[in-house]
């Protein structure tokens, strides 16, 4: 299964938990310190890491939608 990822820039505080949980998917933008999805992601193999990243976000800024 694949997901669409939405990062709510109003909620994201740049904690980086998503980067720890899914380092191949997320990065922190150096200019804004907000979470961004890396180009070409997500892949179907990222599903478990995405669910972990969503659960670990203390600001609840990540939303996964099944495609």
Protein backbone atom coordinates (compact mmCIF):
# COMPACT_ATOMS: atom_id res chain seq x y z
CA UNK A 1 0.00 0.00 0.00
CA UNK A 2 1.20 3.52 -0.59
CA UNK A 3 0.39 6.74 1.21
CA UNK A 4 0.14 10.39 0.35
CA UNK A 5 1.92 12.49 2.98
CA UNK A 6 0.76 15.91 4.06
CA UNK A 7 2.95 17.99 6.34
CA UNK A 8 1.03 20.77 8.09
CA UNK A 9 3.50 23.66 8.09
CA UNK A 10 1.42 25.47 10.73
CA UNK A 11 1.83 22.56 13.16
CA UNK A 12 5.36 21.37 12.32
CA UNK A 13 7.90 22.61 14.85
CA UNK A 14 10.97 20.93 13.39
CA UNK A 15 11.42 18.35 16.15
CA UNK A 16 12.87 15.90 13.59
CA UNK A 17 11.19 12.78 14.96
CA UNK A 18 9.99 12.01 11.43
CA UNK A 19 13.57 12.15 10.15
CA UNK A 20 14.65 9.70 12.85
CA UNK A 21 11.74 7.33 12.11
CA UNK A 22 11.95 7.57 8.31
CA UNK A 23 15.30 9.09 7.25
CA UNK A 24 14.86 8.00 3.64
CA UNK A 25 11.53 9.82 3.41
CA UNK A 26 11.82 13.01 5.47
CA UNK A 27 14.32 15.79 5.86
CA UNK A 28 14.24 19.15 7.60
CA UNK A 29 14.33 22.14 5.29
CA UNK A 30 17.47 24.12 6.25
CA UNK A 31 15.74 27.44 5.63
CA UNK A 32 12.56 26.84 7.60
CA UNK A 33 13.48 23.86 9.82
CA UNK A 34 10.18 22.25 8.79
CA UNK A 35 9.72 18.65 7.70
CA UNK A 36 9.74 18.02 3.96
CA UNK A 37 9.24 14.84 1.97
CA UNK A 38 12.26 13.87 -0.08
CA UNK A 39 11.84 13.77 -3.85
CA UNK A 40 10.66 10.43 -5.20
CA UNK A 41 9.13 9.38 -1.89
CA UNK A 42 7.16 7.69 -0.50
CA UNK A 43 7.70 4.23 -1.91
CA UNK A 44 5.57 1.20 -0.99
CA UNK A 45 8.52 -0.07 1.07
CA UNK A 46 8.30 3.06 3.26
CA UNK A 47 4.90 2.21 4.74
CA UNK A 48 6.03 0.96 8.16
CA UNK A 49 8.45 3.86 8.64
CA UNK A 50 5.75 6.35 7.60
CA UNK A 51 3.30 5.02 10.16
CA UNK A 52 6.02 5.24 12.82
CA UNK A 53 6.89 8.81 11.79
CA UNK A 54 3.24 9.85 11.96
CA UNK A 55 2.85 8.29 15.42
CA UNK A 56 6.12 9.83 16.70
CA UNK A 57 5.36 13.42 15.63
CA UNK A 58 4.74 15.34 18.88
CA UNK A 59 3.08 18.20 16.97
CA UNK A 60 0.81 15.84 14.99
CA UNK A 61 1.88 17.65 11.83
CA UNK A 62 1.95 14.56 9.60
CA UNK A 63 -1.11 13.08 7.97
CA UNK A 64 -1.02 9.88 5.93
CA UNK A 65 -3.74 9.15 3.40
CA UNK A 66 -4.00 5.75 1.73
CA UNK A 67 -3.87 5.85 -2.03
